[in-house]
Amino acid sequence: MCTQSRCSGVSGKPGYPRIGDNRELKRAVEAYWAGRIDAGELAATAAALRAEVWRALRDARLDAIPSGYPEVEASLQHLVAAAAELRGR
């Protein structure tokens, strides 16, 4: 970390994959679009993956951990809302 007297290296991983080792989030979104799972199952999959990523980053003992991906979460919320609206027609 940096102080007034010196600055040492800071480790971080800003581009850490957030869709799962086997692209679980992508598959869950596609299953939701196809009607094979509901919004609750999609949200549960996303929550489990977030927890897994946070544990992995914590266990790596990094100095800086990404604080979330609001652009992805916002996009997912829009997609869920759009799919719900289309199903209601």
C-alpha atoms as a PDB file:
ATOM      1  CA  MET A   1       0.000   0.000   0.000  1.00  0.00           C
ATOM      2  CA  CYS A   2       1.084   3.602  -0.474  1.00  0.00           C
ATOM      3  CA  THR A   3       1.960   5.921   2.364  1.00  0.00           C
ATOM      4  CA  GLN A   4       3.518   9.371   2.388  1.00  0.00           C
ATOM      5  CA  SER A   5       7.005   7.934   2.843  1.00  0.00           C
ATOM      6  CA  ARG A   6       6.904   4.998   0.424  1.00  0.00           C
ATOM      7  CA  CYS A   7       4.765   3.057  -2.007  1.00  0.00           C
ATOM      8  CA  SER A   8       4.937  -0.708  -2.405  1.00  0.00           C
ATOM      9  CA  GLY A   9       3.159  -2.899  -4.924  1.00  0.00           C
ATOM     10  CA  VAL A  10      -0.562  -3.398  -4.668  1.00  0.00           C
ATOM     11  CA  SER A  11      -2.065  -6.608  -5.980  1.00  0.00           C
ATOM     12  CA  GLY A  12      -5.489  -6.803  -7.526  1.00  0.00           C
ATOM     13  CA  LYS A  13      -7.494  -8.615 -10.177  1.00  0.00           C
ATOM     14  CA  PRO A  14      -9.924  -6.191 -11.884  1.00  0.00           C
ATOM     15  CA  GLY A  15     -10.758  -8.528 -14.779  1.00  0.00           C
ATOM     16  CA  TYR A  16     -11.621 -11.608 -12.714  1.00  0.00           C
ATOM     17  CA  PRO A  17     -14.171 -13.793 -14.547  1.00  0.00           C
ATOM     18  CA  ARG A  18     -17.621 -13.405 -13.089  1.00  0.00           C
ATOM     19  CA  ILE A  19     -19.644 -15.839 -15.195  1.00  0.00           C
ATOM     20  CA  GLY A  20     -18.276 -18.999 -13.561  1.00  0.00           C
ATOM     21  CA  ASP A  21     -15.547 -21.436 -14.506  1.00  0.00           C
ATOM     22  CA  ASN A  22     -17.921 -23.247 -16.843  1.00  0.00           C
ATOM     23  CA  ARG A  23     -19.924 -20.174 -17.925  1.00  0.00           C
ATOM     24  CA  GLU A  24     -22.706 -20.980 -15.476  1.00  0.00           C
ATOM     25  CA  LEU A  25     -24.164 -17.459 -15.528  1.00  0.00           C
ATOM     26  CA  LYS A  26     -24.382 -17.465 -19.328  1.00  0.00           C
ATOM     27  CA  ARG A  27     -26.117 -20.834 -19.255  1.00  0.00           C
ATOM     28  CA  ALA A  28     -28.512 -19.665 -16.537  1.00  0.00           C
ATOM     29  CA  VAL A  29     -29.441 -16.532 -18.527  1.00  0.00           C
ATOM     30  CA  GLU A  30     -30.059 -18.641 -21.617  1.00  0.00           C
ATOM     31  CA  ALA A  31     -32.168 -21.106 -19.578  1.00  0.00           C
ATOM     32  CA  TYR A  32     -34.188 -18.175 -18.229  1.00  0.00           C
ATOM     33  CA  TRP A  33     -34.763 -16.804 -21.725  1.00  0.00           C
ATOM     34  CA  ALA A  34     -35.890 -20.252 -22.865  1.00  0.00           C
ATOM     35  CA  GLY A  35     -38.302 -20.526 -19.941  1.00  0.00           C
ATOM     36  CA  ARG A  36     -36.513 -23.508 -18.368  1.00  0.00           C
ATOM     37  CA  ILE A  37     -35.829 -21.631 -15.103  1.00  0.00           C
ATOM     38  CA  ASP A  38     -37.564 -18.727 -13.386  1.00  0.00           C
ATOM     39  CA  ALA A  39     -36.191 -15.346 -12.291  1.00  0.00           C
ATOM     40  CA  GLY A  40     -35.594 -16.657  -8.763  1.00  0.00           C
ATOM     41  CA  GLU A  41     -33.360 -19.456 -10.029  1.00  0.00           C
ATOM     42  CA  LEU A  42     -31.463 -17.008 -12.226  1.00  0.00           C
ATOM     43  CA  ALA A  43     -30.937 -14.651  -9.286  1.00  0.00           C
ATOM     44  CA  ALA A  44     -29.830 -17.557  -7.067  1.00  0.00           C
ATOM     45  CA  THR A  45     -27.277 -18.674  -9.667  1.00  0.00           C
ATOM     46  CA  ALA A  46     -25.906 -15.138  -9.975  1.00  0.00           C
ATOM     47  CA  ALA A  47     -25.713 -14.777  -6.165  1.00  0.00           C
ATOM     48  CA  ALA A  48     -23.898 -18.089  -5.780  1.00  0.00           C
ATOM     49  CA  LEU A  49     -21.371 -17.122  -8.452  1.00  0.00           C
ATOM     50  CA  ARG A  50     -20.775 -13.717  -6.823  1.00  0.00           C
ATOM     51  CA  ALA A  51     -20.143 -15.421  -3.483  1.00  0.00           C
ATOM     52  CA  GLU A  52     -17.768 -17.898  -5.120  1.00  0.00           C
ATOM     53  CA  VAL A  53     -15.800 -15.108  -6.817  1.00  0.00           C
ATOM     54  CA  TRP A  54     -15.590 -13.079  -3.592  1.00  0.00           C
ATOM     55  CA  ARG A  55     -14.322 -16.140  -1.687  1.00  0.00           C
ATOM     56  CA  ALA A  56     -11.698 -16.841  -4.353  1.00  0.00           C
ATOM     57  CA  LEU A  57     -10.517 -13.216  -4.350  1.00  0.00           C
ATOM     58  CA  ARG A  58     -10.482 -13.107  -0.547  1.00  0.00           C
ATOM     59  CA  ASP A  59      -8.511 -16.337  -0.355  1.00  0.00           C
ATOM     60  CA  ALA A  60      -5.991 -14.937  -2.860  1.00  0.00           C
ATOM     61  CA  ARG A  61      -5.238 -12.224  -0.258  1.00  0.00           C
ATOM     62  CA  LEU A  62      -5.309  -9.401  -2.794  1.00  0.00           C
ATOM     63  CA  ASP A  63      -4.912  -5.784  -1.717  1.00  0.00           C
ATOM     64  CA  ALA A  64      -7.646  -4.545  -4.051  1.00  0.00           C
ATOM     65  CA  ILE A  65     -10.840  -6.434  -4.844  1.00  0.00           C
ATOM     66  CA  PRO A  66     -13.348  -5.213  -7.452  1.00  0.00           C
ATOM     67  CA  SER A  67     -16.411  -3.843  -5.689  1.00  0.00           C
ATOM     68  CA  GLY A  68     -18.943  -5.192  -8.143  1.00  0.00           C
ATOM     69  CA  TYR A  69     -19.992  -4.892 -11.706  1.00  0.00           C
ATOM     70  CA  PRO A  70     -22.943  -2.502 -11.732  1.00  0.00           C
ATOM     71  CA  GLU A  71     -23.094  -2.383 -15.528  1.00  0.00           C
ATOM     72  CA  VAL A  72     -23.590  -6.160 -15.689  1.00  0.00           C
ATOM     73  CA  GLU A  73     -26.118  -6.199 -12.860  1.00  0.00           C
ATOM     74  CA  ALA A  74     -28.069  -3.348 -14.470  1.00  0.00           C
ATOM     75  CA  SER A  75     -28.052  -5.143 -17.830  1.00  0.00           C
ATOM     76  CA  LEU A  76     -29.285  -8.343 -16.210  1.00  0.00           C
ATOM     77  CA  GLN A  77     -32.119  -6.465 -14.487  1.00  0.00           C
ATOM     78  CA  HIS A  78     -33.144  -4.890 -17.815  1.00  0.00           C
ATOM     79  CA  LEU A  79     -33.085  -8.267 -19.555  1.00  0.00           C
ATOM     80  CA  VAL A  80     -35.208  -9.872 -16.848  1.00  0.00           C
ATOM     81  CA  ALA A  81     -37.709  -7.012 -17.020  1.00  0.00           C
ATOM     82  CA  ALA A  82     -37.853  -7.169 -20.827  1.00  0.00           C
ATOM     83  CA  ALA A  83     -38.370 -10.936 -20.800  1.00  0.00           C
ATOM     84  CA  ALA A  84     -41.135 -10.610 -18.201  1.00  0.00           C
ATOM     85  CA  GLU A  85     -42.863  -7.961 -20.315  1.00  0.00           C
ATOM     86  CA  LEU A  86     -42.632 -10.091 -23.454  1.00  0.00           C
ATOM     87  CA  ARG A  87     -44.038 -13.115 -21.641  1.00  0.00           C
ATOM     88  CA  GLY A  88     -46.975 -11.020 -20.425  1.00  0.00           C
ATOM     89  CA  ARG A  89     -48.080 -10.184 -23.973  1.00  0.00           C
END
